[in-house]
């Protein structure tokens, strides 16, 4: 769990980290190598969940490699419904148009500018924009970094 106390704002408490797959954790269906050094720490701190339309048919391999739940969804609104169904605070991490509804439903939305780019709709719904998935994972592991980016 992550808790960030910020002057002038409600504390941020995050129990779940929900990730988009393609464009965020993976490129062309293959997991990005930079996620592995930090993902074990992420798993130990949060309940991790990957939501994907499974464009490349790699959901089962991703689940095994990351040792976390991977759910296949067919519409953007399904991502938002999953996030709304989680209690205890949710950080959503993604880059696509279909991540915008998930971002609106989350307590913390981190947009990743990765090798696939970043959709305008996702950017407009994000609390923070980071230059890549490694930076997003780093934020989830550092209360001070989050506080610096979110304080009023």
N, C-alpha and C. Protein backbone atom coordinates (compact mmCIF):
# COMPACT_ATOMS: atom_id res chain seq x y z
N UNK A 1 0.84 -1.19 0.00
CA UNK A 1 0.00 0.00 0.00
C UNK A 1 0.88 1.24 0.00
N UNK A 2 0.38 2.27 -0.62
CA UNK A 2 1.07 3.55 -0.70
C UNK A 2 0.19 4.61 -0.06
N UNK A 3 0.78 5.43 0.78
CA UNK A 3 0.05 6.56 1.37
C UNK A 3 0.91 7.81 1.20
N UNK A 4 0.28 8.83 0.64
CA UNK A 4 0.97 10.09 0.43
C UNK A 4 0.15 11.18 1.11
N UNK A 5 0.76 11.81 2.12
CA UNK A 5 0.12 12.94 2.79
C UNK A 5 0.62 14.22 2.15
N UNK A 6 -0.34 15.07 1.75
CA UNK A 6 0.02 16.32 1.08
C UNK A 6 -0.70 17.48 1.75
N UNK A 7 0.02 18.54 2.08
CA UNK A 7 -0.63 19.70 2.68
C UNK A 7 -1.71 20.25 1.75
N UNK A 8 -2.88 20.55 2.33
CA UNK A 8 -3.94 21.16 1.56
C UNK A 8 -4.77 20.19 0.73
N UNK A 9 -4.48 18.90 0.80
CA UNK A 9 -5.23 17.90 0.04
C UNK A 9 -5.52 16.70 0.91
N UNK A 10 -6.51 15.94 0.51
CA UNK A 10 -6.78 14.67 1.18
C UNK A 10 -5.60 13.73 0.96
N UNK A 11 -5.27 12.93 1.96
CA UNK A 11 -4.21 11.94 1.74
C UNK A 11 -4.58 11.00 0.60
N UNK A 12 -3.57 10.56 -0.11
CA UNK A 12 -3.75 9.61 -1.20
C UNK A 12 -3.35 8.24 -0.69
N UNK A 13 -4.27 7.29 -0.75
CA UNK A 13 -3.98 5.92 -0.32
C UNK A 13 -4.25 4.99 -1.49
N UNK A 14 -3.25 4.21 -1.87
CA UNK A 14 -3.35 3.34 -3.03
C UNK A 14 -3.06 1.90 -2.61
N UNK A 15 -3.99 1.01 -2.88
CA UNK A 15 -3.82 -0.40 -2.59
C UNK A 15 -3.63 -1.22 -3.88
N UNK A 16 -4.18 -0.74 -5.00
CA UNK A 16 -4.16 -1.47 -6.27
C UNK A 16 -3.42 -0.68 -7.34
N UNK A 17 -2.61 -1.37 -8.13
CA UNK A 17 -1.96 -0.78 -9.30
C UNK A 17 -2.52 -1.52 -10.52
N UNK A 18 -3.23 -0.78 -11.37
CA UNK A 18 -3.88 -1.36 -12.55
C UNK A 18 -3.18 -0.81 -13.79
N UNK A 19 -2.69 -1.73 -14.60
CA UNK A 19 -1.89 -1.37 -15.77
C UNK A 19 -2.59 -1.75 -17.06
N UNK A 20 -2.46 -0.88 -18.04
CA UNK A 20 -2.74 -1.24 -19.42
C UNK A 20 -1.55 -2.09 -19.89
N UNK A 21 -1.75 -2.94 -20.88
CA UNK A 21 -0.65 -3.78 -21.35
C UNK A 21 0.09 -3.16 -22.52
N UNK A 22 -0.51 -3.19 -23.69
CA UNK A 22 0.20 -2.77 -24.90
C UNK A 22 0.35 -1.25 -24.96
N UNK A 23 1.57 -0.82 -25.14
CA UNK A 23 1.90 0.59 -25.13
C UNK A 23 2.34 1.09 -23.77
N UNK A 24 2.04 0.32 -22.74
CA UNK A 24 2.41 0.72 -21.37
C UNK A 24 3.46 -0.23 -20.82
N UNK A 25 3.11 -1.50 -20.66
CA UNK A 25 4.06 -2.51 -20.18
C UNK A 25 4.71 -3.29 -21.31
N UNK A 26 4.13 -3.21 -22.50
CA UNK A 26 4.60 -4.03 -23.62
C UNK A 26 4.58 -3.23 -24.92
N UNK A 27 5.38 -3.68 -25.86
CA UNK A 27 5.40 -3.14 -27.21
C UNK A 27 5.24 -4.32 -28.15
N UNK A 28 4.25 -4.24 -29.02
CA UNK A 28 3.95 -5.33 -29.96
C UNK A 28 3.75 -6.66 -29.24
N UNK A 29 3.16 -6.61 -28.05
CA UNK A 29 2.86 -7.82 -27.29
C UNK A 29 4.00 -8.35 -26.44
N UNK A 30 5.19 -7.78 -26.55
CA UNK A 30 6.35 -8.22 -25.78
C UNK A 30 6.60 -7.27 -24.62
N UNK A 31 6.73 -7.84 -23.42
CA UNK A 31 7.00 -7.00 -22.25
C UNK A 31 8.29 -6.21 -22.42
N UNK A 32 8.25 -4.95 -22.02
CA UNK A 32 9.44 -4.09 -22.09
C UNK A 32 10.43 -4.51 -21.00
N UNK A 33 11.71 -4.65 -21.34
CA UNK A 33 12.69 -5.14 -20.37
C UNK A 33 12.85 -4.24 -19.15
N UNK A 34 12.58 -2.94 -19.29
CA UNK A 34 12.79 -2.03 -18.17
C UNK A 34 11.80 -2.22 -17.04
N UNK A 35 10.73 -2.99 -17.24
CA UNK A 35 9.78 -3.18 -16.14
C UNK A 35 10.26 -4.18 -15.11
N UNK A 36 11.09 -5.12 -15.52
CA UNK A 36 11.43 -6.22 -14.62
C UNK A 36 12.21 -5.82 -13.36
N UNK A 37 13.16 -4.87 -13.42
CA UNK A 37 13.88 -4.55 -12.17
C UNK A 37 12.99 -4.02 -11.05
N UNK A 38 11.87 -3.37 -11.38
CA UNK A 38 11.02 -2.78 -10.34
C UNK A 38 9.72 -3.54 -10.08
N UNK A 39 9.35 -4.44 -10.98
CA UNK A 39 8.02 -5.02 -10.87
C UNK A 39 7.85 -5.90 -9.64
N UNK A 40 8.88 -6.57 -9.21
CA UNK A 40 8.77 -7.38 -7.99
C UNK A 40 8.44 -6.50 -6.79
N UNK A 41 9.08 -5.33 -6.70
CA UNK A 41 8.78 -4.40 -5.61
C UNK A 41 7.35 -3.88 -5.72
N UNK A 42 6.88 -3.63 -6.94
CA UNK A 42 5.51 -3.19 -7.16
C UNK A 42 4.54 -4.27 -6.67
N UNK A 43 4.80 -5.51 -7.05
CA UNK A 43 3.94 -6.64 -6.64
C UNK A 43 3.91 -6.80 -5.12
N UNK A 44 5.02 -6.54 -4.47
CA UNK A 44 5.06 -6.72 -3.02
C UNK A 44 4.32 -5.60 -2.28
N UNK A 45 4.11 -4.48 -2.95
CA UNK A 45 3.48 -3.32 -2.32
C UNK A 45 2.00 -3.16 -2.67
N UNK A 46 1.62 -3.62 -3.85
CA UNK A 46 0.26 -3.42 -4.36
C UNK A 46 -0.33 -4.73 -4.87
N UNK A 47 -1.65 -4.76 -4.89
CA UNK A 47 -2.33 -5.79 -5.68
C UNK A 47 -2.23 -5.30 -7.12
N UNK A 48 -1.58 -6.08 -7.97
CA UNK A 48 -1.36 -5.67 -9.36
C UNK A 48 -2.34 -6.38 -10.28
N UNK A 49 -2.81 -5.64 -11.26
CA UNK A 49 -3.75 -6.16 -12.23
C UNK A 49 -3.43 -5.52 -13.58
N UNK A 50 -3.39 -6.34 -14.62
CA UNK A 50 -3.18 -5.85 -15.98
C UNK A 50 -4.49 -6.06 -16.74
N UNK A 51 -4.95 -5.00 -17.40
CA UNK A 51 -6.15 -5.05 -18.22
C UNK A 51 -5.76 -4.87 -19.67
N UNK A 52 -6.23 -5.77 -20.53
CA UNK A 52 -5.81 -5.74 -21.92
C UNK A 52 -6.91 -6.22 -22.85
N UNK A 53 -6.88 -5.72 -24.06
CA UNK A 53 -7.74 -6.27 -25.11
C UNK A 53 -7.02 -7.44 -25.79
N UNK A 54 -5.81 -7.72 -25.35
CA UNK A 54 -5.01 -8.86 -25.80
C UNK A 54 -4.86 -8.90 -27.32
N UNK A 55 -4.53 -7.77 -27.89
CA UNK A 55 -4.35 -7.63 -29.33
C UNK A 55 -3.37 -8.65 -29.89
N UNK A 56 -2.32 -8.95 -29.15
CA UNK A 56 -1.27 -9.84 -29.63
C UNK A 56 -1.37 -11.25 -29.07
N UNK A 57 -2.40 -11.53 -28.28
CA UNK A 57 -2.60 -12.88 -27.76
C UNK A 57 -1.56 -13.33 -26.75
N UNK A 58 -1.01 -12.39 -25.98
CA UNK A 58 0.06 -12.73 -25.04
C UNK A 58 -0.35 -12.63 -23.57
N UNK A 59 -1.64 -12.50 -23.29
CA UNK A 59 -2.09 -12.28 -21.90
C UNK A 59 -1.61 -13.38 -20.96
N UNK A 60 -1.71 -14.63 -21.35
CA UNK A 60 -1.29 -15.73 -20.47
C UNK A 60 0.20 -15.67 -20.18
N UNK A 61 1.02 -15.39 -21.19
CA UNK A 61 2.46 -15.29 -20.99
C UNK A 61 2.81 -14.11 -20.09
N UNK A 62 2.10 -13.01 -20.26
CA UNK A 62 2.33 -11.81 -19.44
C UNK A 62 2.00 -12.12 -17.98
N UNK A 63 0.88 -12.78 -17.75
CA UNK A 63 0.49 -13.13 -16.39
C UNK A 63 1.56 -13.98 -15.72
N UNK A 64 2.08 -14.96 -16.44
CA UNK A 64 3.12 -15.84 -15.89
C UNK A 64 4.41 -15.06 -15.64
N UNK A 65 4.80 -14.22 -16.57
CA UNK A 65 6.06 -13.48 -16.44
C UNK A 65 6.02 -12.47 -15.31
N UNK A 66 4.88 -11.79 -15.15
CA UNK A 66 4.77 -10.75 -14.13
C UNK A 66 4.25 -11.28 -12.80
N UNK A 67 3.75 -12.50 -12.80
CA UNK A 67 3.16 -13.11 -11.62
C UNK A 67 2.06 -12.23 -11.03
N UNK A 68 1.17 -11.79 -11.93
CA UNK A 68 0.03 -10.99 -11.49
C UNK A 68 -1.17 -11.33 -12.36
N UNK A 69 -2.33 -10.91 -11.90
CA UNK A 69 -3.56 -11.15 -12.64
C UNK A 69 -3.58 -10.34 -13.93
N UNK A 70 -4.00 -10.97 -15.01
CA UNK A 70 -4.22 -10.29 -16.27
C UNK A 70 -5.64 -10.61 -16.71
N UNK A 71 -6.42 -9.57 -16.98
CA UNK A 71 -7.80 -9.76 -17.42
C UNK A 71 -7.96 -9.19 -18.82
N UNK A 72 -8.68 -9.94 -19.64
CA UNK A 72 -8.98 -9.47 -20.99
C UNK A 72 -10.31 -8.73 -20.96
N UNK A 73 -10.30 -7.55 -21.54
CA UNK A 73 -11.50 -6.72 -21.66
C UNK A 73 -11.73 -6.42 -23.13
N UNK A 74 -12.95 -6.07 -23.48
CA UNK A 74 -13.23 -5.78 -24.88
C UNK A 74 -13.53 -4.32 -25.15
N UNK A 75 -13.87 -3.57 -24.10
CA UNK A 75 -14.20 -2.16 -24.27
C UNK A 75 -13.54 -1.31 -23.19
N UNK A 76 -13.36 -0.06 -23.51
CA UNK A 76 -12.74 0.88 -22.56
C UNK A 76 -13.54 0.97 -21.27
N UNK A 77 -14.87 0.97 -21.37
CA UNK A 77 -15.70 1.10 -20.18
C UNK A 77 -15.52 -0.09 -19.23
N UNK A 78 -15.12 -1.24 -19.76
CA UNK A 78 -14.85 -2.40 -18.90
C UNK A 78 -13.66 -2.12 -18.00
N UNK A 79 -12.65 -1.43 -18.52
CA UNK A 79 -11.50 -1.07 -17.69
C UNK A 79 -11.95 -0.19 -16.53
N UNK A 80 -12.80 0.80 -16.83
CA UNK A 80 -13.29 1.69 -15.78
C UNK A 80 -14.12 0.92 -14.76
N UNK A 81 -14.95 -0.02 -15.22
CA UNK A 81 -15.78 -0.80 -14.30
C UNK A 81 -14.92 -1.65 -13.36
N UNK A 82 -13.84 -2.22 -13.87
CA UNK A 82 -12.94 -3.00 -13.02
C UNK A 82 -12.34 -2.10 -11.95
N UNK A 83 -11.87 -0.92 -12.35
CA UNK A 83 -11.28 0.01 -11.39
C UNK A 83 -12.30 0.43 -10.34
N UNK A 84 -13.51 0.74 -10.76
CA UNK A 84 -14.55 1.14 -9.80
C UNK A 84 -14.87 0.00 -8.83
N UNK A 85 -14.67 -1.23 -9.23
CA UNK A 85 -14.96 -2.38 -8.38
C UNK A 85 -13.89 -2.71 -7.36
N UNK A 86 -12.76 -2.02 -7.42
CA UNK A 86 -11.67 -2.26 -6.47
C UNK A 86 -11.78 -1.29 -5.31
N UNK A 87 -11.63 -1.77 -4.09
CA UNK A 87 -11.70 -0.88 -2.93
C UNK A 87 -10.32 -0.66 -2.34
N UNK A 88 -10.14 0.49 -1.76
CA UNK A 88 -8.89 0.77 -1.09
C UNK A 88 -7.94 1.66 -1.86
N UNK A 89 -8.37 2.24 -2.94
CA UNK A 89 -7.55 3.16 -3.71
C UNK A 89 -6.86 2.50 -4.88
N UNK A 90 -6.96 3.14 -6.05
CA UNK A 90 -6.42 2.56 -7.28
C UNK A 90 -5.55 3.58 -8.01
N UNK A 91 -4.37 3.12 -8.40
CA UNK A 91 -3.52 3.86 -9.34
C UNK A 91 -3.68 3.17 -10.69
N UNK A 92 -4.01 3.93 -11.72
CA UNK A 92 -4.15 3.40 -13.07
C UNK A 92 -3.02 3.95 -13.92
N UNK A 93 -2.40 3.07 -14.71
CA UNK A 93 -1.26 3.45 -15.53
C UNK A 93 -1.54 3.00 -16.95
N UNK A 94 -1.47 3.93 -17.90
CA UNK A 94 -1.76 3.58 -19.28
C UNK A 94 -1.36 4.67 -20.26
N UNK A 95 -1.73 4.47 -21.53
CA UNK A 95 -1.33 5.43 -22.56
C UNK A 95 -2.36 5.61 -23.66
N UNK A 96 -3.41 4.80 -23.71
CA UNK A 96 -4.29 4.80 -24.86
C UNK A 96 -5.63 5.47 -24.64
N UNK A 97 -6.33 5.68 -25.74
CA UNK A 97 -7.68 6.24 -25.67
C UNK A 97 -8.55 5.39 -24.75
N UNK A 98 -8.39 4.06 -24.84
CA UNK A 98 -9.22 3.18 -24.01
C UNK A 98 -8.84 3.20 -22.53
N UNK A 99 -7.80 3.95 -22.18
CA UNK A 99 -7.42 4.10 -20.77
C UNK A 99 -8.06 5.33 -20.12
N UNK A 100 -8.58 6.25 -20.91
CA UNK A 100 -9.17 7.48 -20.37
C UNK A 100 -10.31 7.19 -19.39
N UNK A 101 -11.26 6.31 -19.69
CA UNK A 101 -12.30 6.03 -18.69
C UNK A 101 -11.74 5.41 -17.41
N UNK A 102 -10.74 4.54 -17.54
CA UNK A 102 -10.08 3.95 -16.38
C UNK A 102 -9.43 5.04 -15.54
N UNK A 103 -8.80 6.01 -16.19
CA UNK A 103 -8.17 7.12 -15.48
C UNK A 103 -9.20 7.91 -14.68
N UNK A 104 -10.37 8.18 -15.28
CA UNK A 104 -11.42 8.94 -14.57
C UNK A 104 -11.89 8.20 -13.33
N UNK A 105 -11.90 6.87 -13.38
CA UNK A 105 -12.38 6.07 -12.26
C UNK A 105 -11.34 5.88 -11.15
N UNK A 106 -10.08 6.11 -11.46
CA UNK A 106 -8.98 5.84 -10.52
C UNK A 106 -8.75 6.99 -9.55
N UNK A 107 -8.11 6.67 -8.45
CA UNK A 107 -7.70 7.69 -7.48
C UNK A 107 -6.45 8.43 -7.94
N UNK A 108 -5.63 7.75 -8.71
CA UNK A 108 -4.41 8.33 -9.27
C UNK A 108 -4.25 7.79 -10.69
N UNK A 109 -4.08 8.67 -11.65
CA UNK A 109 -3.94 8.28 -13.06
C UNK A 109 -2.58 8.75 -13.57
N UNK A 110 -1.78 7.80 -14.03
CA UNK A 110 -0.44 8.11 -14.55
C UNK A 110 -0.41 7.75 -16.03
N UNK A 111 -0.21 8.76 -16.86
CA UNK A 111 -0.11 8.57 -18.30
C UNK A 111 1.35 8.34 -18.67
N UNK A 112 1.58 7.31 -19.48
CA UNK A 112 2.93 6.93 -19.89
C UNK A 112 3.14 7.30 -21.35
N UNK A 113 4.15 8.11 -21.60
CA UNK A 113 4.54 8.42 -22.97
C UNK A 113 5.60 7.40 -23.36
N UNK A 114 5.18 6.36 -24.04
CA UNK A 114 6.07 5.26 -24.39
C UNK A 114 6.28 5.16 -25.88
N UNK A 115 6.79 4.02 -26.32
CA UNK A 115 7.13 3.84 -27.74
C UNK A 115 5.92 3.87 -28.67
N UNK A 116 4.71 3.64 -28.15
CA UNK A 116 3.49 3.75 -28.96
C UNK A 116 2.92 5.16 -28.94
N UNK A 117 3.50 6.03 -28.13
CA UNK A 117 2.96 7.38 -27.98
C UNK A 117 1.99 7.46 -26.82
N UNK A 118 1.23 8.54 -26.80
CA UNK A 118 0.26 8.79 -25.74
C UNK A 118 -0.96 9.44 -26.36
N UNK A 119 -2.12 8.86 -26.15
CA UNK A 119 -3.36 9.40 -26.69
C UNK A 119 -3.75 10.67 -25.94
N UNK A 120 -4.25 11.63 -26.69
CA UNK A 120 -4.68 12.90 -26.11
C UNK A 120 -5.73 12.69 -25.03
N UNK A 121 -6.69 11.80 -25.26
CA UNK A 121 -7.75 11.55 -24.28
C UNK A 121 -7.17 11.06 -22.95
N UNK A 122 -6.19 10.19 -23.01
CA UNK A 122 -5.55 9.70 -21.78
C UNK A 122 -4.80 10.82 -21.09
N UNK A 123 -4.08 11.61 -21.86
CA UNK A 123 -3.33 12.73 -21.28
C UNK A 123 -4.25 13.69 -20.54
N UNK A 124 -5.39 14.01 -21.13
CA UNK A 124 -6.30 14.97 -20.51
C UNK A 124 -6.94 14.46 -19.23
N UNK A 125 -6.99 13.15 -19.04
CA UNK A 125 -7.57 12.57 -17.83
C UNK A 125 -6.52 12.24 -16.77
N UNK A 126 -5.24 12.34 -17.10
CA UNK A 126 -4.16 11.93 -16.20
C UNK A 126 -3.88 12.97 -15.12
N UNK A 127 -3.45 12.47 -13.96
CA UNK A 127 -2.94 13.34 -12.90
C UNK A 127 -1.49 13.70 -13.16
N UNK A 128 -0.75 12.74 -13.70
CA UNK A 128 0.67 12.94 -13.99
C UNK A 128 1.02 12.31 -15.33
N UNK A 129 1.98 12.90 -16.01
CA UNK A 129 2.53 12.37 -17.25
C UNK A 129 3.99 12.03 -16.98
N UNK A 130 4.40 10.81 -17.39
CA UNK A 130 5.79 10.40 -17.22
C UNK A 130 6.36 9.97 -18.57
N UNK A 131 7.69 10.03 -18.72
CA UNK A 131 8.32 9.74 -20.02
C UNK A 131 8.44 8.26 -20.36
N UNK A 132 8.04 7.37 -19.46
CA UNK A 132 8.13 5.94 -19.74
C UNK A 132 7.67 5.14 -18.54
N UNK A 133 7.53 3.85 -18.74
CA UNK A 133 7.02 2.97 -17.69
C UNK A 133 7.96 2.91 -16.49
N UNK A 134 9.26 3.00 -16.69
CA UNK A 134 10.19 2.97 -15.57
C UNK A 134 9.91 4.13 -14.62
N UNK A 135 9.64 5.31 -15.17
CA UNK A 135 9.31 6.47 -14.33
C UNK A 135 7.99 6.26 -13.60
N UNK A 136 7.01 5.66 -14.26
CA UNK A 136 5.72 5.39 -13.61
C UNK A 136 5.90 4.44 -12.43
N UNK A 137 6.66 3.37 -12.64
CA UNK A 137 6.91 2.41 -11.56
C UNK A 137 7.67 3.09 -10.43
N UNK A 138 8.61 3.95 -10.77
CA UNK A 138 9.36 4.69 -9.75
C UNK A 138 8.47 5.57 -8.90
N UNK A 139 7.48 6.20 -9.53
CA UNK A 139 6.53 7.03 -8.76
C UNK A 139 5.76 6.20 -7.75
N UNK A 140 5.35 5.02 -8.16
CA UNK A 140 4.59 4.16 -7.25
C UNK A 140 5.42 3.67 -6.08
N UNK A 141 6.72 3.71 -6.23
CA UNK A 141 7.62 3.26 -5.16
C UNK A 141 8.18 4.40 -4.33
N UNK A 142 7.80 5.66 -4.65
CA UNK A 142 8.37 6.80 -3.94
C UNK A 142 7.30 7.82 -3.56
N UNK A 143 6.92 7.84 -2.30
CA UNK A 143 5.94 8.82 -1.83
C UNK A 143 6.43 10.24 -2.08
N UNK A 144 7.71 10.49 -1.93
CA UNK A 144 8.24 11.84 -2.12
C UNK A 144 8.10 12.31 -3.56
N UNK A 145 8.35 11.42 -4.52
CA UNK A 145 8.19 11.81 -5.93
C UNK A 145 6.73 12.13 -6.22
N UNK A 146 5.85 11.30 -5.72
CA UNK A 146 4.41 11.58 -5.95
C UNK A 146 4.00 12.88 -5.29
N UNK A 147 4.42 13.09 -4.07
CA UNK A 147 4.09 14.33 -3.38
C UNK A 147 4.59 15.54 -4.16
N UNK A 148 5.77 15.46 -4.68
CA UNK A 148 6.34 16.59 -5.44
C UNK A 148 5.51 16.90 -6.69
N UNK A 149 5.01 15.86 -7.34
CA UNK A 149 4.25 16.08 -8.56
C UNK A 149 2.80 16.44 -8.35
N UNK A 150 2.25 16.09 -7.18
CA UNK A 150 0.82 16.28 -6.95
C UNK A 150 0.47 17.39 -5.99
N UNK A 151 1.43 17.91 -5.26
CA UNK A 151 1.05 18.89 -4.24
C UNK A 151 0.52 20.17 -4.88
N UNK A 152 -0.40 20.79 -4.14
CA UNK A 152 -1.05 22.01 -4.63
C UNK A 152 -0.14 23.21 -4.46
